[in-house]
Amino acid sequence: MSARYFETLRMIEDIATTLGNQNKLTHKGPIYHVKVDPNQDTWQVTCLGTECVDSSYKPLYRGVETLPTTLRKKLVVLNMLEPQQSEIEGVGLRTGQDSFWVYG
């Protein structure tokens, strides 16, 4: 199976949880789904939207220090929230202990 298939499966739970909690992703540009494995300090990044063709983000980062600065700053802000609180305009939404929607 393709890597794209597993990326889609990884996001399904977060999509359902987000919609089930009446949250919406209102950003008009690219949206990134970020899933972290805290045990291995790996960060999986999946871009959604037509703008993704030009995305400079890689699909996997090993270590928080390897994340691009803009992405890392937004994740720091989102990490301070409890999961499923309202989105922060221009930043994104935290969906779980280890998953985020980040606005590009």
PDB file of N, CA and C in Angstrom:
ATOM      1  N   MET A   1       0.830  -1.177   0.000  1.00  0.00           N
ATOM      2  CA  MET A   1       0.000   0.000   0.000  1.00  0.00           C
ATOM      3  C   MET A   1       0.875   1.240   0.000  1.00  0.00           C
ATOM      4  N   SER A   2       0.343   2.291  -0.571  1.00  0.00           N
ATOM      5  CA  SER A   2       1.135   3.511  -0.708  1.00  0.00           C
ATOM      6  C   SER A   2       1.210   4.278   0.597  1.00  0.00           C
ATOM      7  N   ALA A   3       2.234   5.112   0.705  1.00  0.00           N
ATOM      8  CA  ALA A   3       2.403   5.964   1.875  1.00  0.00           C
ATOM      9  C   ALA A   3       1.239   6.928   2.013  1.00  0.00           C
ATOM     10  N   ARG A   4       0.695   7.380   0.880  1.00  0.00           N
ATOM     11  CA  ARG A   4      -0.447   8.314   0.890  1.00  0.00           C
ATOM     12  C   ARG A   4      -1.658   7.686   1.570  1.00  0.00           C
ATOM     13  N   TYR A   5      -1.861   6.389   1.360  1.00  0.00           N
ATOM     14  CA  TYR A   5      -2.957   5.656   1.978  1.00  0.00           C
ATOM     15  C   TYR A   5      -2.844   5.708   3.502  1.00  0.00           C
ATOM     16  N   PHE A   6      -1.652   5.465   4.028  1.00  0.00           N
ATOM     17  CA  PHE A   6      -1.448   5.479   5.474  1.00  0.00           C
ATOM     18  C   PHE A   6      -1.560   6.884   6.051  1.00  0.00           C
ATOM     19  N   GLU A   7      -1.144   7.898   5.285  1.00  0.00           N
ATOM     20  CA  GLU A   7      -1.323   9.282   5.723  1.00  0.00           C
ATOM     21  C   GLU A   7      -2.801   9.591   5.893  1.00  0.00           C
ATOM     22  N   THR A   8      -3.615   9.129   4.945  1.00  0.00           N
ATOM     23  CA  THR A   8      -5.057   9.366   5.001  1.00  0.00           C
ATOM     24  C   THR A   8      -5.668   8.669   6.203  1.00  0.00           C
ATOM     25  N   LEU A   9      -5.294   7.434   6.446  1.00  0.00           N
ATOM     26  CA  LEU A   9      -5.803   6.710   7.607  1.00  0.00           C
ATOM     27  C   LEU A   9      -5.431   7.403   8.904  1.00  0.00           C
ATOM     28  N   ARG A  10      -4.229   7.937   8.968  1.00  0.00           N
ATOM     29  CA  ARG A  10      -3.739   8.609  10.168  1.00  0.00           C
ATOM     30  C   ARG A  10      -4.583   9.831  10.501  1.00  0.00           C
ATOM     31  N   MET A  11      -5.150  10.484   9.488  1.00  0.00           N
ATOM     32  CA  MET A  11      -5.918  11.704   9.703  1.00  0.00           C
ATOM     33  C   MET A  11      -7.398  11.448   9.982  1.00  0.00           C
ATOM     34  N   ILE A  12      -7.918  10.287   9.625  1.00  0.00           N
ATOM     35  CA  ILE A  12      -9.358  10.035   9.728  1.00  0.00           C
ATOM     36  C   ILE A  12      -9.863  10.227  11.154  1.00  0.00           C
ATOM     37  N   GLU A  13      -9.185   9.681  12.140  1.00  0.00           N
ATOM     38  CA  GLU A  13      -9.617   9.826  13.527  1.00  0.00           C
ATOM     39  C   GLU A  13      -9.663  11.297  13.938  1.00  0.00           C
ATOM     40  N   ASP A  14      -8.648  12.062  13.552  1.00  0.00           N
ATOM     41  CA  ASP A  14      -8.622  13.483  13.909  1.00  0.00           C
ATOM     42  C   ASP A  14      -9.724  14.268  13.208  1.00  0.00           C
ATOM     43  N   ILE A  15     -10.030  13.911  11.984  1.00  0.00           N
ATOM     44  CA  ILE A  15     -11.120  14.582  11.263  1.00  0.00           C
ATOM     45  C   ILE A  15     -12.441  14.302  11.976  1.00  0.00           C
ATOM     46  N   ALA A  16     -12.692  13.052  12.311  1.00  0.00           N
ATOM     47  CA  ALA A  16     -13.936  12.680  12.986  1.00  0.00           C
ATOM     48  C   ALA A  16     -14.041  13.346  14.354  1.00  0.00           C
ATOM     49  N   THR A  17     -12.959  13.357  15.108  1.00  0.00           N
ATOM     50  CA  THR A  17     -12.961  13.978  16.433  1.00  0.00           C
ATOM     51  C   THR A  17     -13.202  15.470  16.328  1.00  0.00           C
ATOM     52  N   THR A  18     -12.556  16.114  15.382  1.00  0.00           N
ATOM     53  CA  THR A  18     -12.711  17.555  15.197  1.00  0.00           C
ATOM     54  C   THR A  18     -14.149  17.904  14.857  1.00  0.00           C
ATOM     55  N   LEU A  19     -14.729  17.216  13.907  1.00  0.00           N
ATOM     56  CA  LEU A  19     -16.119  17.482  13.517  1.00  0.00           C
ATOM     57  C   LEU A  19     -17.093  17.099  14.622  1.00  0.00           C
ATOM     58  N   GLY A  20     -16.819  16.027  15.326  1.00  0.00           N
ATOM     59  CA  GLY A  20     -17.678  15.587  16.419  1.00  0.00           C
ATOM     60  C   GLY A  20     -17.728  16.576  17.564  1.00  0.00           C
ATOM     61  N   ASN A  21     -16.670  17.348  17.725  1.00  0.00           N
ATOM     62  CA  ASN A  21     -16.614  18.367  18.774  1.00  0.00           C
ATOM     63  C   ASN A  21     -17.046  19.734  18.265  1.00  0.00           C
ATOM     64  N   GLN A  22     -17.674  19.747  17.102  1.00  0.00           N
ATOM     65  CA  GLN A  22     -18.202  20.981  16.505  1.00  0.00           C
ATOM     66  C   GLN A  22     -17.108  21.996  16.166  1.00  0.00           C
ATOM     67  N   ASN A  23     -15.871  21.551  16.038  1.00  0.00           N
ATOM     68  CA  ASN A  23     -14.790  22.434  15.628  1.00  0.00           C
ATOM     69  C   ASN A  23     -14.711  22.451  14.109  1.00  0.00           C
ATOM     70  N   LYS A  24     -14.227  23.561  13.583  1.00  0.00           N
ATOM     71  CA  LYS A  24     -14.067  23.698  12.143  1.00  0.00           C
ATOM     72  C   LYS A  24     -12.686  24.255  11.848  1.00  0.00           C
ATOM     73  N   LEU A  25     -12.159  23.873  10.709  1.00  0.00           N
ATOM     74  CA  LEU A  25     -10.898  24.412  10.229  1.00  0.00           C
ATOM     75  C   LEU A  25     -11.258  25.495   9.222  1.00  0.00           C
ATOM     76  N   THR A  26     -11.099  26.746   9.607  1.00  0.00           N
ATOM     77  CA  THR A  26     -11.587  27.860   8.787  1.00  0.00           C
ATOM     78  C   THR A  26     -10.538  28.480   7.886  1.00  0.00           C
ATOM     79  N   HIS A  27      -9.324  28.018   7.975  1.00  0.00           N
ATOM     80  CA  HIS A  27      -8.224  28.604   7.202  1.00  0.00           C
ATOM     81  C   HIS A  27      -8.441  28.390   5.704  1.00  0.00           C
ATOM     82  N   LYS A  28      -8.139  29.398   4.906  1.00  0.00           N
ATOM     83  CA  LYS A  28      -8.353  29.324   3.454  1.00  0.00           C
ATOM     84  C   LYS A  28      -7.125  28.847   2.678  1.00  0.00           C
ATOM     85  N   GLY A  29      -5.985  28.782   3.316  1.00  0.00           N
ATOM     86  CA  GLY A  29      -4.765  28.329   2.638  1.00  0.00           C
ATOM     87  C   GLY A  29      -4.471  26.880   2.977  1.00  0.00           C
ATOM     88  N   PRO A  30      -3.215  26.474   2.817  1.00  0.00           N
ATOM     89  CA  PRO A  30      -2.856  25.089   3.125  1.00  0.00           C
ATOM     90  C   PRO A  30      -3.012  24.795   4.615  1.00  0.00           C
ATOM     91  N   ILE A  31      -3.413  23.580   4.901  1.00  0.00           N
ATOM     92  CA  ILE A  31      -3.540  23.104   6.276  1.00  0.00           C
ATOM     93  C   ILE A  31      -2.673  21.857   6.390  1.00  0.00           C
ATOM     94  N   TYR A  32      -1.908  21.793   7.468  1.00  0.00           N
ATOM     95  CA  TYR A  32      -1.017  20.659   7.698  1.00  0.00           C
ATOM     96  C   TYR A  32      -1.521  19.842   8.876  1.00  0.00           C
ATOM     97  N   HIS A  33      -1.588  18.532   8.675  1.00  0.00           N
ATOM     98  CA  HIS A  33      -1.888  17.633   9.783  1.00  0.00           C
ATOM     99  C   HIS A  33      -0.540  17.165  10.317  1.00  0.00           C
ATOM    100  N   VAL A  34      -0.319  17.373  11.600  1.00  0.00           N
ATOM    101  CA  VAL A  34       0.952  16.994  12.219  1.00  0.00           C
ATOM    102  C   VAL A  34       0.662  15.984  13.317  1.00  0.00           C
ATOM    103  N   LYS A  35       1.343  14.864  13.234  1.00  0.00           N
ATOM    104  CA  LYS A  35       1.199  13.795  14.227  1.00  0.00           C
ATOM    105  C   LYS A  35       2.584  13.502  14.783  1.00  0.00           C
ATOM    106  N   VAL A  36       2.690  13.537  16.114  1.00  0.00           N
ATOM    107  CA  VAL A  36       3.985  13.307  16.746  1.00  0.00           C
ATOM    108  C   VAL A  36       3.981  11.959  17.455  1.00  0.00           C
ATOM    109  N   ASP A  37       5.113  11.286  17.390  1.00  0.00           N
ATOM    110  CA  ASP A  37       5.347  10.102  18.200  1.00  0.00           C
ATOM    111  C   ASP A  37       6.339  10.529  19.273  1.00  0.00           C
ATOM    112  N   PRO A  38       5.854  10.837  20.485  1.00  0.00           N
ATOM    113  CA  PRO A  38       6.743  11.379  21.513  1.00  0.00           C
ATOM    114  C   PRO A  38       7.831  10.401  21.960  1.00  0.00           C
ATOM    115  N   ASN A  39       7.593   9.113  21.825  1.00  0.00           N
ATOM    116  CA  ASN A  39       8.598   8.125  22.226  1.00  0.00           C
ATOM    117  C   ASN A  39       9.811   8.141  21.301  1.00  0.00           C
ATOM    118  N   GLN A  40       9.569   8.421  20.020  1.00  0.00           N
ATOM    119  CA  GLN A  40      10.666   8.427  19.051  1.00  0.00           C
ATOM    120  C   GLN A  40      11.028   9.838  18.596  1.00  0.00           C
ATOM    121  N   ASP A  41      10.267  10.841  19.058  1.00  0.00           N
ATOM    122  CA  ASP A  41      10.465  12.236  18.657  1.00  0.00           C
ATOM    123  C   ASP A  41      10.462  12.367  17.130  1.00  0.00           C
ATOM    124  N   THR A  42       9.430  11.741  16.527  1.00  0.00           N
ATOM    125  CA  THR A  42       9.241  11.876  15.081  1.00  0.00           C
ATOM    126  C   THR A  42       7.959  12.665  14.834  1.00  0.00           C
ATOM    127  N   TRP A  43       7.979  13.481  13.803  1.00  0.00           N
ATOM    128  CA  TRP A  43       6.885  14.383  13.465  1.00  0.00           C
ATOM    129  C   TRP A  43       6.474  14.126  12.019  1.00  0.00           C
ATOM    130  N   GLN A  44       5.267  13.607  11.817  1.00  0.00           N
ATOM    131  CA  GLN A  44       4.750  13.347  10.474  1.00  0.00           C
ATOM    132  C   GLN A  44       3.904  14.541  10.054  1.00  0.00           C
ATOM    133  N   VAL A  45       4.185  15.084   8.894  1.00  0.00           N
ATOM    134  CA  VAL A  45       3.511  16.278   8.401  1.00  0.00           C
ATOM    135  C   VAL A  45       2.858  15.957   7.063  1.00  0.00           C
ATOM    136  N   THR A  46       1.544  16.176   6.987  1.00  0.00           N
ATOM    137  CA  THR A  46       0.799  15.952   5.760  1.00  0.00           C
ATOM    138  C   THR A  46       0.096  17.242   5.380  1.00  0.00           C
ATOM    139  N   CYS A  47       0.295  17.703   4.168  1.00  0.00           N
ATOM    140  CA  CYS A  47      -0.315  18.939   3.688  1.00  0.00           C
ATOM    141  C   CYS A  47      -1.624  18.636   2.982  1.00  0.00           C
ATOM    142  N   LEU A  48      -2.622  19.483   3.237  1.00  0.00           N
ATOM    143  CA  LEU A  48      -3.922  19.371   2.571  1.00  0.00           C
ATOM    144  C   LEU A  48      -4.171  20.652   1.785  1.00  0.00           C
ATOM    145  N   GLY A  49      -4.636  20.526   0.573  1.00  0.00           N
ATOM    146  CA  GLY A  49      -4.957  21.694  -0.235  1.00  0.00           C
ATOM    147  C   GLY A  49      -4.142  21.739  -1.513  1.00  0.00           C
ATOM    148  N   THR A  50      -4.612  22.529  -2.459  1.00  0.00           N
ATOM    149  CA  THR A  50      -3.939  22.623  -3.751  1.00  0.00           C
ATOM    150  C   THR A  50      -2.588  23.313  -3.650  1.00  0.00           C
ATOM    151  N   GLU A  51      -2.393  24.093  -2.601  1.00  0.00           N
ATOM    152  CA  GLU A  51      -1.118  24.797  -2.421  1.00  0.00           C
ATOM    153  C   GLU A  51       0.014  23.861  -2.004  1.00  0.00           C
ATOM    154  N   CYS A  52      -0.311  22.627  -1.710  1.00  0.00           N
ATOM    155  CA  CYS A  52       0.683  21.678  -1.202  1.00  0.00           C
ATOM    156  C   CYS A  52       1.765  21.343  -2.220  1.00  0.00           C
ATOM    157  N   VAL A  53       1.481  21.569  -3.480  1.00  0.00           N
ATOM    158  CA  VAL A  53       2.468  21.299  -4.518  1.00  0.00           C
ATOM    159  C   VAL A  53       3.740  22.093  -4.244  1.00  0.00           C
ATOM    160  N   ASP A  54       3.578  23.296  -3.719  1.00  0.00           N
ATOM    161  CA  ASP A  54       4.713  24.168  -3.445  1.00  0.00           C
ATOM    162  C   ASP A  54       5.176  24.127  -1.992  1.00  0.00           C
ATOM    163  N   SER A  55       4.659  23.196  -1.201  1.00  0.00           N
ATOM    164  CA  SER A  55       5.019  23.129   0.216  1.00  0.00           C
ATOM    165  C   SER A  55       6.499  22.805   0.381  1.00  0.00           C
ATOM    166  N   SER A  56       7.123  23.526   1.284  1.00  0.00           N
ATOM    167  CA  SER A  56       8.544  23.280   1.552  1.00  0.00           C
ATOM    168  C   SER A  56       8.747  22.307   2.711  1.00  0.00           C
ATOM    169  N   TYR A  57       7.649  21.864   3.328  1.00  0.00           N
ATOM    170  CA  TYR A  57       7.763  20.939   4.453  1.00  0.00           C
ATOM    171  C   TYR A  57       7.943  19.507   3.972  1.00  0.00           C
ATOM    172  N   LYS A  58       8.794  18.775   4.679  1.00  0.00           N
ATOM    173  CA  LYS A  58       8.996  17.358   4.393  1.00  0.00           C
ATOM    174  C   LYS A  58       7.915  16.544   5.101  1.00  0.00           C
ATOM    175  N   PRO A  59       7.685  15.310   4.677  1.00  0.00           N
ATOM    176  CA  PRO A  59       6.657  14.498   5.333  1.00  0.00           C
ATOM    177  C   PRO A  59       7.059  13.958   6.706  1.00  0.00           C
ATOM    178  N   LEU A  60       8.351  13.936   7.024  1.00  0.00           N
ATOM    179  CA  LEU A  60       8.799  13.383   8.304  1.00  0.00           C
ATOM    180  C   LEU A  60      10.006  14.159   8.824  1.00  0.00           C
ATOM    181  N   TYR A  61       9.943  14.461  10.120  1.00  0.00           N
ATOM    182  CA  TYR A  61      11.062  15.116  10.804  1.00  0.00           C
ATOM    183  C   TYR A  61      11.425  14.277  12.012  1.00  0.00           C
ATOM    184  N   ARG A  62      12.708  14.094  12.210  1.00  0.00           N
ATOM    185  CA  ARG A  62      13.190  13.326  13.358  1.00  0.00           C
ATOM    186  C   ARG A  62      13.818  14.296  14.347  1.00  0.00           C
ATOM    187  N   GLY A  63      13.075  14.584  15.398  1.00  0.00           N
ATOM    188  CA  GLY A  63      13.532  15.527  16.414  1.00  0.00           C
ATOM    189  C   GLY A  63      12.867  16.876  16.238  1.00  0.00           C
ATOM    190  N   VAL A  64      12.357  17.420  17.341  1.00  0.00           N
ATOM    191  CA  VAL A  64      11.646  18.697  17.284  1.00  0.00           C
ATOM    192  C   VAL A  64      12.549  19.812  16.757  1.00  0.00           C
ATOM    193  N   GLU A  65      13.834  19.708  17.006  1.00  0.00           N
ATOM    194  CA  GLU A  65      14.770  20.749  16.567  1.00  0.00           C
ATOM    195  C   GLU A  65      14.943  20.770  15.050  1.00  0.00           C
ATOM    196  N   THR A  66      14.516  19.719  14.367  1.00  0.00           N
ATOM    197  CA  THR A  66      14.631  19.683  12.903  1.00  0.00           C
ATOM    198  C   THR A  66      13.415  20.295  12.194  1.00  0.00           C
ATOM    199  N   LEU A  67      12.345  20.579  12.946  1.00  0.00           N
ATOM    200  CA  LEU A  67      11.160  21.192  12.342  1.00  0.00           C
ATOM    201  C   LEU A  67      11.481  22.600  11.853  1.00  0.00           C
ATOM    202  N   PRO A  68      10.917  23.019  10.731  1.00  0.00           N
ATOM    203  CA  PRO A  68      11.100  24.400  10.288  1.00  0.00           C
ATOM    204  C   PRO A  68      10.586  25.364  11.368  1.00  0.00           C
ATOM    205  N   THR A  69      11.244  26.495  11.522  1.00  0.00           N
ATOM    206  CA  THR A  69      10.950  27.442  12.599  1.00  0.00           C
ATOM    207  C   THR A  69       9.485  27.866  12.624  1.00  0.00           C
ATOM    208  N   THR A  70       8.911  28.203  11.484  1.00  0.00           N
ATOM    209  CA  THR A  70       7.517  28.653  11.449  1.00  0.00           C
ATOM    210  C   THR A  70       6.583  27.568  11.958  1.00  0.00           C
ATOM    211  N   LEU A  71       6.782  26.350  11.511  1.00  0.00           N
ATOM    212  CA  LEU A  71       5.952  25.230  11.938  1.00  0.00           C
ATOM    213  C   LEU A  71       6.149  24.962  13.428  1.00  0.00           C
ATOM    214  N   ARG A  72       7.382  24.970  13.880  1.00  0.00           N
ATOM    215  CA  ARG A  72       7.683  24.704  15.292  1.00  0.00           C
ATOM    216  C   ARG A  72       7.026  25.743  16.200  1.00  0.00           C
ATOM    217  N   LYS A  73       7.063  27.033  15.819  1.00  0.00           N
ATOM    218  CA  LYS A  73       6.453  28.086  16.638  1.00  0.00           C
ATOM    219  C   LYS A  73       4.952  27.889  16.770  1.00  0.00           C
ATOM    220  N   LYS A  74       4.284  27.509  15.685  1.00  0.00           N
ATOM    221  CA  LYS A  74       2.841  27.275  15.740  1.00  0.00           C
ATOM    222  C   LYS A  74       2.522  26.057  16.598  1.00  0.00           C
ATOM    223  N   LEU A  75       3.332  25.018  16.508  1.00  0.00           N
ATOM    224  CA  LEU A  75       3.115  23.828  17.326  1.00  0.00           C
ATOM    225  C   LEU A  75       3.326  24.115  18.807  1.00  0.00           C
ATOM    226  N   VAL A  76       4.259  24.989  19.140  1.00  0.00           N
ATOM    227  CA  VAL A  76       4.478  25.378  20.536  1.00  0.00           C
ATOM    228  C   VAL A  76       3.221  26.039  21.096  1.00  0.00           C
ATOM    229  N   VAL A  77       2.626  26.943  20.323  1.00  0.00           N
ATOM    230  CA  VAL A  77       1.398  27.620  20.744  1.00  0.00           C
ATOM    231  C   VAL A  77       0.268  26.601  20.916  1.00  0.00           C
ATOM    232  N   LEU A  78       0.074  25.730  19.929  1.00  0.00           N
ATOM    233  CA  LEU A  78      -1.007  24.751  19.993  1.00  0.00           C
ATOM    234  C   LEU A  78      -0.808  23.740  21.114  1.00  0.00           C
ATOM    235  N   ASN A  79       0.433  23.438  21.437  1.00  0.00           N
ATOM    236  CA  ASN A  79       0.730  22.472  22.496  1.00  0.00           C
ATOM    237  C   ASN A  79       0.320  22.988  23.869  1.00  0.00           C
ATOM    238  N   MET A  80       0.143  24.294  24.018  1.00  0.00           N
ATOM    239  CA  MET A  80      -0.286  24.867  25.294  1.00  0.00           C
ATOM    240  C   MET A  80      -1.783  24.686  25.528  1.00  0.00           C
ATOM    241  N   LEU A  81      -2.535  24.341  24.482  1.00  0.00           N
ATOM    242  CA  LEU A  81      -3.981  24.182  24.585  1.00  0.00           C
ATOM    243  C   LEU A  81      -4.352  22.762  24.966  1.00  0.00           C
ATOM    244  N   GLU A  82      -5.539  22.615  25.523  1.00  0.00           N
ATOM    245  CA  GLU A  82      -6.120  21.293  25.714  1.00  0.00           C
ATOM    246  C   GLU A  82      -6.650  20.843  24.352  1.00  0.00           C
ATOM    247  N   PRO A  83      -6.665  19.547  24.081  1.00  0.00           N
ATOM    248  CA  PRO A  83      -7.219  19.077  22.814  1.00  0.00           C
ATOM    249  C   PRO A  83      -8.675  19.508  22.625  1.00  0.00           C
ATOM    250  N   GLN A  84      -9.005  19.850  21.403  1.00  0.00           N
ATOM    251  CA  GLN A  84     -10.335  20.211  20.954  1.00  0.00           C
ATOM    252  C   GLN A  84     -10.862  21.532  21.507  1.00  0.00           C
ATOM    253  N   GLN A  85      -9.960  22.410  21.971  1.00  0.00           N
ATOM    254  CA  GLN A  85     -10.397  23.772  22.241  1.00  0.00           C
ATOM    255  C   GLN A  85     -10.590  24.441  20.894  1.00  0.00           C
ATOM    256  N   SER A  86     -11.201  25.599  20.886  1.00  0.00           N
ATOM    257  CA  SER A  86     -11.428  26.314  19.635  1.00  0.00           C
ATOM    258  C   SER A  86     -10.103  26.598  18.934  1.00  0.00           C
ATOM    259  N   GLU A  87     -10.190  26.708  17.614  1.00  0.00           N
ATOM    260  CA  GLU A  87      -8.994  26.996  16.825  1.00  0.00           C
ATOM    261  C   GLU A  87      -8.436  28.367  17.180  1.00  0.00           C
ATOM    262  N   ILE A  88      -7.166  28.545  16.923  1.00  0.00           N
ATOM    263  CA  ILE A  88      -6.523  29.854  17.037  1.00  0.00           C
ATOM    264  C   ILE A  88      -6.330  30.342  15.612  1.00  0.00           C
ATOM    265  N   GLU A  89      -6.966  31.446  15.301  1.00  0.00           N
ATOM    266  CA  GLU A  89      -6.929  31.977  13.941  1.00  0.00           C
ATOM    267  C   GLU A  89      -5.484  32.198  13.489  1.00  0.00           C
ATOM    268  N   GLY A  90      -5.166  31.706  12.321  1.00  0.00           N
ATOM    269  CA  GLY A  90      -3.835  31.846  11.755  1.00  0.00           C
ATOM    270  C   GLY A  90      -2.817  30.855  12.279  1.00  0.00           C
ATOM    271  N   VAL A  91      -3.194  30.063  13.305  1.00  0.00           N
ATOM    272  CA  VAL A  91      -2.269  29.098  13.893  1.00  0.00           C
ATOM    273  C   VAL A  91      -2.770  27.673  13.663  1.00  0.00           C
ATOM    274  N   GLY A  92      -3.975  27.355  14.143  1.00  0.00           N
ATOM    275  CA  GLY A  92      -4.512  26.025  13.941  1.00  0.00           C
ATOM    276  C   GLY A  92      -5.332  25.528  15.108  1.00  0.00           C
ATOM    277  N   LEU A  93      -5.325  24.204  15.290  1.00  0.00           N
ATOM    278  CA  LEU A  93      -6.164  23.536  16.273  1.00  0.00           C
ATOM    279  C   LEU A  93      -5.429  22.301  16.782  1.00  0.00           C
ATOM    280  N   ARG A  94      -5.508  22.075  18.072  1.00  0.00           N
ATOM    281  CA  ARG A  94      -4.950  20.839  18.644  1.00  0.00           C
ATOM    282  C   ARG A  94      -6.085  19.827  18.728  1.00  0.00           C
ATOM    283  N   THR A  95      -5.899  18.654  18.122  1.00  0.00           N
ATOM    284  CA  THR A  95      -6.971  17.662  18.111  1.00  0.00           C
ATOM    285  C   THR A  95      -6.798  16.567  19.148  1.00  0.00           C
ATOM    286  N   GLY A  96      -5.587  16.325  19.577  1.00  0.00           N
ATOM    287  CA  GLY A  96      -5.333  15.272  20.555  1.00  0.00           C
ATOM    288  C   GLY A  96      -4.019  15.532  21.263  1.00  0.00           C
ATOM    289  N   GLN A  97      -3.634  14.602  22.116  1.00  0.00           N
ATOM    290  CA  GLN A  97      -2.375  14.756  22.845  1.00  0.00           C
ATOM    291  C   GLN A  97      -1.181  14.839  21.896  1.00  0.00           C
ATOM    292  N   ASP A  98      -1.300  14.195  20.736  1.00  0.00           N
ATOM    293  CA  ASP A  98      -0.156  14.105  19.835  1.00  0.00           C
ATOM    294  C   ASP A  98      -0.495  14.470  18.389  1.00  0.00           C
ATOM    295  N   SER A  99      -1.589  15.217  18.196  1.00  0.00           N
ATOM    296  CA  SER A  99      -1.972  15.564  16.816  1.00  0.00           C
ATOM    297  C   SER A  99      -2.518  16.984  16.727  1.00  0.00           C
ATOM    298  N   PHE A 100      -2.231  17.595  15.585  1.00  0.00           N
ATOM    299  CA  PHE A 100      -2.534  19.010  15.389  1.00  0.00           C
ATOM    300  C   PHE A 100      -2.928  19.270  13.942  1.00  0.00           C
ATOM    301  N   TRP A 101      -3.761  20.312  13.728  1.00  0.00           N
ATOM    302  CA  TRP A 101      -3.995  20.905  12.419  1.00  0.00           C
ATOM    303  C   TRP A 101      -3.304  22.246  12.475  1.00  0.00           C
ATOM    304  N   VAL A 102      -2.351  22.471  11.582  1.00  0.00           N
ATOM    305  CA  VAL A 102      -1.568  23.712  11.590  1.00  0.00           C
ATOM    306  C   VAL A 102      -1.845  24.454  10.291  1.00  0.00           C
ATOM    307  N   TYR A 103      -2.140  25.751  10.400  1.00  0.00           N
ATOM    308  CA  TYR A 103      -2.418  26.567   9.232  1.00  0.00           C
ATOM    309  C   TYR A 103      -1.125  27.078   8.633  1.00  0.00           C
ATOM    310  N   GLY A 104      -1.037  26.980   7.310  1.00  0.00           N
ATOM    311  CA  GLY A 104       0.157  27.414   6.589  1.00  0.00           C
ATOM    312  C   GLY A 104       0.157  28.888   6.282  1.00  0.00           C
TER     313      GLY A 104
END
